[in-house]
Amino acid sequence: MGGHLPSSAVEIDGKVEAVDGKTLRVSVSGDLLPVAGDAAEIVLRIPGLDQTGTIATGEVTLVLDESINVTVGQTTGKLAVGQLAKIESANPVQRKPAPPNGEPLPIK
């Protein structure tokens, strides 16, 4: 993603959970979520090296608490479950807290 993005952008790492044509469902961990329109890269680890190679670029199109949809624009390789996603977000949002003990949060 290089120097094309604002220096204040946050990188959010994820993992491809499902592939449907050029639409990917990506799970992310951590407290921050991207927003629709954020740039995304799908990368592969290069065996034997501590490096990754980009195989697709796209854009976040939908954000839910548990998953994110990425629509791929360009690809140079086969998309598959388990690949890594790197999302650059200039305006990430805080993930909603999980309810304690699996109980729903009260509505205020």
Protein backbone atom coordinates (compact mmCIF):
# COMPACT_ATOMS: atom_id res chain seq x y z
CA MET A 1 0.00 0.00 0.00
CA GLY A 2 3.10 2.13 0.28
CA GLY A 3 3.23 5.89 0.61
CA HIS A 4 -0.08 6.63 -1.09
CA LEU A 5 -2.02 6.70 2.17
CA PRO A 6 -2.06 9.32 4.93
CA SER A 7 0.63 8.73 7.55
CA SER A 8 -2.08 8.74 10.21
CA ALA A 9 -3.70 5.63 8.69
CA VAL A 10 -3.96 2.57 10.92
CA GLU A 11 -3.27 -0.91 9.55
CA ILE A 12 -5.92 -3.45 10.54
CA ASP A 13 -4.96 -7.08 9.97
CA GLY A 14 -7.50 -9.73 9.09
CA LYS A 15 -7.99 -13.15 7.59
CA VAL A 16 -10.10 -14.21 4.60
CA GLU A 17 -12.95 -16.41 5.88
CA ALA A 18 -14.96 -16.81 2.66
CA VAL A 19 -14.57 -16.12 -1.06
CA ASP A 20 -17.53 -15.49 -3.38
CA GLY A 21 -16.19 -14.35 -6.74
CA LYS A 22 -14.63 -10.95 -6.11
CA THR A 23 -16.30 -10.51 -2.72
CA LEU A 24 -14.38 -11.62 0.35
CA ARG A 25 -15.57 -11.98 3.94
CA VAL A 26 -12.72 -11.00 6.25
CA SER A 27 -12.52 -11.40 10.03
CA VAL A 28 -10.48 -8.98 12.12
CA SER A 29 -9.45 -9.03 15.74
CA GLY A 30 -8.67 -6.11 17.99
CA ASP A 31 -10.57 -3.04 19.06
CA LEU A 32 -10.61 -1.15 15.76
CA LEU A 33 -12.76 -1.70 12.68
CA PRO A 34 -12.30 -0.14 9.24
CA VAL A 35 -15.00 1.84 7.47
CA ALA A 36 -16.54 1.38 4.02
CA GLY A 37 -14.23 2.76 1.36
CA ASP A 38 -10.98 1.84 3.13
CA ALA A 39 -8.28 0.29 0.93
CA ALA A 40 -7.50 -3.40 1.38
CA GLU A 41 -4.72 -5.73 0.25
CA ILE A 42 -4.84 -9.51 0.23
CA VAL A 43 -1.38 -10.94 0.80
CA LEU A 44 0.42 -14.28 0.87
CA ARG A 45 3.36 -15.18 3.07
CA ILE A 46 6.36 -16.13 0.96
CA PRO A 47 7.62 -19.54 2.18
CA GLY A 48 11.11 -19.43 3.66
CA LEU A 49 11.14 -15.63 3.88
CA ASP A 50 9.77 -13.19 6.40
CA GLN A 51 7.94 -11.34 3.63
CA THR A 52 4.53 -11.13 2.02
CA GLY A 53 3.43 -10.57 -1.55
CA THR A 54 0.25 -8.77 -2.61
CA ILE A 55 -2.11 -10.88 -4.69
CA ALA A 56 -5.15 -8.58 -4.72
CA THR A 57 -6.26 -5.06 -3.91
CA GLY A 58 -9.75 -3.89 -3.17
CA GLU A 59 -12.04 -1.83 -1.01
CA VAL A 60 -14.03 -2.39 2.17
CA THR A 61 -17.72 -2.36 1.21
CA LEU A 62 -19.49 -3.51 4.39
CA VAL A 63 -18.49 -3.57 8.05
CA LEU A 64 -20.21 -5.69 10.69
CA ASP A 65 -18.98 -6.42 14.22
CA GLU A 66 -17.78 -9.91 13.33
CA SER A 67 -16.83 -9.59 9.67
CA ILE A 68 -15.98 -7.21 6.87
CA ASN A 69 -16.77 -7.48 3.17
CA VAL A 70 -14.02 -6.54 0.74
CA THR A 71 -14.69 -6.18 -2.98
CA VAL A 72 -11.58 -7.00 -4.99
CA GLY A 73 -10.67 -4.68 -7.85
CA GLN A 74 -7.40 -6.15 -9.15
CA THR A 75 -5.90 -9.57 -8.56
CA THR A 76 -2.68 -11.25 -9.62
CA GLY A 77 -3.35 -14.62 -8.03
CA LYS A 78 -6.01 -17.01 -6.76
CA LEU A 79 -8.09 -15.82 -3.81
CA ALA A 80 -8.57 -18.39 -1.05
CA VAL A 81 -9.79 -18.82 2.51
CA GLY A 82 -6.98 -18.31 5.02
CA GLN A 83 -5.14 -15.58 3.13
CA LEU A 84 -4.13 -12.47 5.06
CA ALA A 85 -5.85 -9.12 4.64
CA LYS A 86 -4.29 -5.75 5.40
CA ILE A 87 -6.71 -2.85 5.61
CA GLU A 88 -5.52 0.77 5.81
CA SER A 89 -8.00 2.98 7.64
CA ALA A 90 -7.57 6.72 8.14
CA ASN A 91 -10.73 6.83 10.28
CA PRO A 92 -11.14 3.48 12.07
CA VAL A 93 -14.02 3.07 14.51
CA GLN A 94 -14.03 1.43 17.91
CA ARG A 95 -15.55 -2.06 17.99
CA LYS A 96 -18.66 -2.29 20.17
CA PRO A 97 -17.93 -4.03 23.49
CA ALA A 98 -19.04 -7.63 23.86
CA PRO A 99 -21.89 -8.16 26.31
CA PRO A 100 -20.78 -9.60 29.67
CA ASN A 101 -21.43 -13.34 30.08
CA GLY A 102 -23.06 -13.50 26.64
CA GLU A 103 -26.06 -11.49 27.81
CA PRO A 104 -27.48 -8.73 25.62
CA LEU A 105 -26.50 -5.19 26.51
CA PRO A 106 -29.39 -3.16 27.95
CA ILE A 107 -31.04 -0.73 25.56
CA LYS A 108 -30.84 2.86 26.75
